Amino acid sequence: MNNLLALPMYAIHPPATRALMQAVVTLLTQHGIATQPVWPEDLLTHWQDNRLLLSQTCGYPLVSQLPAVQLVGTFHYQAPGCTGRDYRSWLVARDKQATLADFNGQRAVANSLDSHSGYNALRFVAALQGMRFSQLLLSGGHRQSLAALRDSQADIAAIDCVSWALLARYEPDALRGLHIIGETPAAPGLPLITAAPTSVDRLERLRSALHQLVNDPAWRTVCDDNLIGGFSPVQRDDYQGVLAWEQQAAALGVTRL
């Protein structure tokens, strides 16, 4: 089957993610589209697959590495830090009395270099403050970044506010001893994408199914378990601000953390 479907970005509690994927599979079947759920290991390869019907990526790889994919939309998340379709990152540290400026010359941790919430956003706010970090640890994920903070392997991180809220619900120990000491500006939420060959008709049926997901009471529990409160179509231009953060940081002399 060529219609691959995955929702890999917020799979913090796999049972909730599996239920969400199954709900989307069911709704797409009702809209005449058969799908094959997958759990991709190599995300970039997955996002570039021409068999892709629906997946979720991050705004930074969207604008920097995925020029051909089509935009389906974005979920609205019911989490502190989210407003409508937009989300932000929390600046997180062990000392709840600290501010971002206190971490000049300290150690940062980020999930990956292609993450908007963990890397691009932190670079942007650090550049605005005229800050430099002494070291950058790449952890592989927001959960691992939090572990590095708890274990004193790093001093500050930018954590996606939806990931923080999901961990607070399902893995509260992951946040133990850590505090939100600031925030980044808001940006459009994580984009839902489809492959370049997806037809206009199929794209519209995708959007219709996702609107039904967030509006039909039959799926309310599934959405609540994933903190999903709505859905909006988006365009690629909506994410140009993500690239602008990189460009503004570079103009201030910060090209990397």
Protein backbone atom coordinates (compact mmCIF):
# COMPACT_ATOMS: atom_id res chain seq x y z
CA MET A 1 0.00 0.00 0.00
CA ASN A 2 1.31 3.44 -0.94
CA ASN A 3 -0.63 5.61 1.51
CA LEU A 4 1.71 5.83 4.50
CA LEU A 5 0.52 7.54 7.68
CA ALA A 6 2.48 8.44 10.81
CA LEU A 7 2.21 10.95 13.65
CA PRO A 8 5.73 10.70 15.09
CA MET A 9 6.38 14.06 16.72
CA TYR A 10 4.39 13.87 19.96
CA ALA A 11 4.47 10.11 20.54
CA ILE A 12 5.32 10.56 24.22
CA HIS A 13 2.57 8.18 25.35
CA PRO A 14 2.41 5.52 22.61
CA PRO A 15 -1.08 4.20 23.48
CA ALA A 16 -2.54 7.68 22.97
CA THR A 17 -0.63 8.10 19.69
CA ARG A 18 -1.75 4.70 18.42
CA ALA A 19 -5.37 5.54 19.21
CA LEU A 20 -5.03 8.85 17.38
CA MET A 21 -3.51 7.19 14.33
CA GLN A 22 -6.28 4.57 14.30
CA ALA A 23 -8.90 7.32 14.51
CA VAL A 24 -7.36 9.04 11.48
CA VAL A 25 -7.20 5.71 9.61
CA THR A 26 -10.90 5.12 10.33
CA LEU A 27 -11.91 8.60 9.22
CA LEU A 28 -9.84 8.45 6.05
CA THR A 29 -11.45 5.11 5.21
CA GLN A 30 -14.82 6.84 5.51
CA HIS A 31 -13.50 9.44 3.05
CA GLY A 32 -12.47 6.74 0.59
CA ILE A 33 -8.74 6.64 1.38
CA ALA A 34 -7.05 3.47 2.64
CA THR A 35 -3.89 4.01 4.69
CA GLN A 36 -1.02 2.09 6.23
CA PRO A 37 0.13 3.31 9.67
CA VAL A 38 3.90 3.21 10.16
CA TRP A 39 6.37 4.07 12.93
CA PRO A 40 9.32 5.56 10.99
CA GLU A 41 12.86 5.29 12.32
CA ASP A 42 14.47 7.76 9.89
CA LEU A 43 12.17 10.77 9.93
CA LEU A 44 13.74 12.74 7.09
CA THR A 45 13.55 9.74 4.74
CA HIS A 46 9.96 9.17 5.85
CA TRP A 47 8.94 12.79 5.22
CA GLN A 48 10.51 12.71 1.73
CA ASP A 49 8.78 9.45 0.71
CA ASN A 50 6.47 9.97 -2.28
CA ARG A 51 4.16 7.31 -0.79
CA LEU A 52 3.45 9.60 2.17
CA LEU A 53 -0.21 10.39 2.70
CA LEU A 54 0.01 12.09 6.09
CA SER A 55 2.72 12.78 8.64
CA GLN A 56 3.75 15.45 11.11
CA THR A 57 7.05 17.28 10.88
CA CYS A 58 8.65 20.32 12.53
CA GLY A 59 8.59 23.82 11.09
CA TYR A 60 12.38 24.04 10.84
CA PRO A 61 12.99 20.98 8.63
CA LEU A 62 9.91 22.02 6.66
CA VAL A 63 11.53 25.29 5.57
CA SER A 64 15.12 24.02 5.43
CA GLN A 65 14.94 20.45 4.11
CA LEU A 66 11.48 19.65 2.72
CA PRO A 67 10.85 21.97 -0.25
CA ALA A 68 8.61 19.52 -2.12
CA VAL A 69 6.07 18.37 0.48
CA GLN A 70 2.58 19.83 0.59
CA LEU A 71 1.05 21.37 3.69
CA VAL A 72 -2.14 19.83 5.05
CA GLY A 73 -2.57 21.86 8.24
CA THR A 74 -1.73 21.89 11.92
CA PHE A 75 -3.49 20.75 15.06
CA HIS A 76 -4.37 23.22 17.79
CA TYR A 77 -3.08 21.91 21.10
CA GLN A 78 -4.70 22.46 24.48
CA ALA A 79 -1.56 23.12 26.49
CA PRO A 80 -0.15 26.12 28.35
CA GLY A 81 1.93 28.11 25.86
CA CYS A 82 -0.41 27.39 22.94
CA THR A 83 -2.83 29.90 21.43
CA GLY A 84 -4.98 28.68 18.56
CA ARG A 85 -2.65 27.06 16.04
CA ASP A 86 0.50 28.56 17.59
CA TYR A 87 2.87 27.08 20.15
CA ARG A 88 6.11 28.08 21.82
CA SER A 89 8.99 26.62 23.80
CA TRP A 90 9.60 26.89 27.49
CA LEU A 91 13.08 27.76 28.72
CA VAL A 92 13.78 25.14 31.35
CA ALA A 93 16.43 24.92 34.06
CA ARG A 94 16.97 23.51 37.54
CA ASP A 95 16.96 26.92 39.29
CA LYS A 96 13.45 28.37 39.30
CA GLN A 97 14.78 31.83 40.23
CA ALA A 98 17.05 32.05 37.18
CA THR A 99 16.49 34.06 34.01
CA LEU A 100 17.86 33.42 30.53
CA ALA A 101 20.63 35.99 31.01
CA ASP A 102 21.99 33.95 33.92
CA PHE A 103 23.02 31.20 31.50
CA ASN A 104 25.54 33.18 29.47
CA GLY A 105 28.60 30.95 29.28
CA GLN A 106 26.70 27.95 30.63
CA ARG A 107 25.89 24.61 28.96
CA ALA A 108 22.85 24.20 26.71
CA VAL A 109 21.16 21.01 25.57
CA ALA A 110 18.95 20.62 22.48
CA ASN A 111 17.13 17.67 21.02
CA SER A 112 18.60 18.07 17.50
CA LEU A 113 20.04 20.64 15.12
CA ASP A 114 16.95 20.48 12.89
CA SER A 115 14.46 21.18 15.68
CA HIS A 116 12.69 24.52 15.76
CA SER A 117 11.44 24.21 19.33
CA GLY A 118 14.66 22.88 20.84
CA TYR A 119 17.40 24.49 18.74
CA ASN A 120 16.23 27.25 16.38
CA ALA A 121 14.08 28.93 19.03
CA LEU A 122 16.82 28.76 21.68
CA ARG A 123 19.38 30.18 19.23
CA PHE A 124 17.00 33.04 18.42
CA VAL A 125 16.34 34.12 22.01
CA ALA A 126 20.03 33.71 22.92
CA ALA A 127 21.01 35.92 19.96
CA LEU A 128 18.54 38.60 21.05
CA GLN A 129 20.17 38.57 24.50
CA GLY A 130 23.69 38.70 23.06
CA MET A 131 24.46 35.40 24.79
CA ARG A 132 26.80 32.53 24.09
CA PHE A 133 26.77 29.08 25.63
CA SER A 134 29.99 27.30 26.53
CA GLN A 135 28.80 23.94 25.26
CA LEU A 136 25.92 22.38 23.32
CA LEU A 137 24.85 18.83 24.04
CA LEU A 138 22.60 17.14 21.45
CA SER A 139 20.31 14.73 23.26
CA GLY A 140 18.13 13.17 20.55
CA GLY A 141 14.79 14.21 22.05
CA HIS A 142 13.06 16.58 24.45
CA ARG A 143 12.69 13.83 27.07
CA GLN A 144 16.44 13.18 26.88
CA SER A 145 17.18 16.92 27.12
CA LEU A 146 15.20 17.05 30.35
CA ALA A 147 17.15 14.06 31.65
CA ALA A 148 20.40 15.87 30.87
CA LEU A 149 19.19 18.86 32.90
CA ARG A 150 18.13 16.67 35.82
CA ASP A 151 21.50 14.90 35.77
CA SER A 152 23.42 18.22 35.63
CA GLN A 153 24.94 17.37 32.26
CA ALA A 154 23.57 20.69 30.94
CA ASP A 155 22.10 23.84 32.43
CA ILE A 156 19.35 25.10 30.11
CA ALA A 157 17.09 23.83 27.33
CA ALA A 158 14.19 25.00 25.18
CA ILE A 159 11.37 22.46 25.44
CA ASP A 160 8.31 22.34 23.18
CA CYS A 161 5.36 23.36 25.38
CA VAL A 162 3.20 20.52 24.03
CA SER A 163 5.88 17.96 24.87
CA TRP A 164 6.13 19.51 28.36
CA ALA A 165 2.36 19.22 28.85
CA LEU A 166 2.26 15.62 27.61
CA LEU A 167 5.09 14.68 29.94
CA ALA A 168 3.33 16.43 32.82
CA ARG A 169 0.31 14.22 32.14
CA TYR A 170 1.95 10.89 31.35
CA GLU A 171 5.51 11.03 32.80
CA PRO A 172 5.59 13.68 35.54
CA ASP A 173 8.85 12.32 36.94
CA ALA A 174 10.55 13.53 33.74
CA LEU A 175 9.94 17.11 34.95
CA ARG A 176 11.01 16.53 38.55
CA GLY A 177 13.32 19.25 39.85
CA LEU A 178 12.98 21.34 36.69
CA HIS A 179 11.36 24.75 36.25
CA ILE A 180 10.14 27.02 33.45
CA ILE A 181 12.24 30.19 33.68
CA GLY A 182 11.19 31.86 30.42
CA GLU A 183 9.67 31.32 27.00
CA THR A 184 10.31 31.84 23.31
CA PRO A 185 7.98 33.73 20.99
CA ALA A 186 5.14 31.77 19.43
CA ALA A 187 5.27 30.08 16.03
CA PRO A 188 2.78 28.06 13.96
CA GLY A 189 2.30 24.54 15.32
CA LEU A 190 3.95 21.44 13.92
CA PRO A 191 2.88 21.06 10.29
CA LEU A 192 0.95 18.07 8.99
CA ILE A 193 2.30 17.22 5.55
CA THR A 194 1.62 15.05 2.52
CA ALA A 195 3.82 14.07 -0.41
CA ALA A 196 4.20 16.26 -3.47
CA PRO A 197 2.23 13.86 -5.76
CA THR A 198 -0.89 13.95 -3.52
CA SER A 199 -3.78 15.24 -5.63
CA VAL A 200 -5.84 18.32 -4.78
CA ASP A 201 -8.90 16.11 -4.27
CA ARG A 202 -7.07 13.83 -1.88
CA LEU A 203 -5.63 16.81 0.01
CA GLU A 204 -9.13 18.18 0.50
CA ARG A 205 -10.36 14.80 1.75
CA LEU A 206 -7.45 14.71 4.18
CA ARG A 207 -8.42 18.10 5.56
CA SER A 208 -12.07 17.09 5.77
CA ALA A 209 -11.18 13.99 7.79
CA LEU A 210 -9.04 16.02 10.19
CA HIS A 211 -11.78 18.60 10.65
CA GLN A 212 -14.12 15.73 11.49
CA LEU A 213 -11.58 14.30 13.94
CA VAL A 214 -11.52 17.47 16.03
CA ASN A 215 -15.25 18.28 15.77
CA ASP A 216 -17.04 14.92 16.03
CA PRO A 217 -17.81 14.04 19.69
CA ALA A 218 -17.05 10.40 18.86
CA TRP A 219 -13.35 11.27 18.78
CA ARG A 220 -13.27 13.73 21.68
CA THR A 221 -11.56 11.36 24.13
CA VAL A 222 -8.89 10.42 21.59
CA CYS A 223 -8.18 14.10 20.91
CA ASP A 224 -8.19 15.00 24.60
CA ASP A 225 -5.69 12.23 25.34
CA ASN A 226 -3.35 13.85 22.78
CA LEU A 227 -4.15 17.44 23.91
CA ILE A 228 -5.68 18.22 20.51
CA GLY A 229 -8.41 20.85 20.47
CA GLY A 230 -8.68 21.90 16.83
CA PHE A 231 -7.26 21.84 13.30
CA SER A 232 -6.45 24.55 10.76
CA PRO A 233 -5.22 24.33 7.17
CA VAL A 234 -1.91 26.14 6.70
CA GLN A 235 0.28 27.28 3.82
CA ARG A 236 4.04 27.10 3.45
CA ASP A 237 4.27 30.89 3.79
CA ASP A 238 2.93 30.58 7.34
CA TYR A 239 6.26 29.03 8.35
CA GLN A 240 8.59 31.61 6.82
CA GLY A 241 8.89 33.20 10.25
CA VAL A 242 10.73 30.07 11.41
CA LEU A 243 13.40 30.71 8.77
CA ALA A 244 13.40 34.40 9.69
CA TRP A 245 14.44 33.49 13.26
CA GLU A 246 17.50 31.73 11.85
CA GLN A 247 18.30 34.71 9.64
CA GLN A 248 17.85 37.24 12.47
CA ALA A 249 20.13 35.22 14.74
CA ALA A 250 22.77 35.12 11.98
CA ALA A 251 22.45 38.90 11.52
CA LEU A 252 23.25 39.22 15.23
CA GLY A 253 26.33 37.03 14.77
CA VAL A 254 24.88 33.74 16.04
CA THR A 255 24.82 31.02 13.42
CA ARG A 256 24.96 28.11 15.86
CA LEU A 257 24.63 27.47 19.56
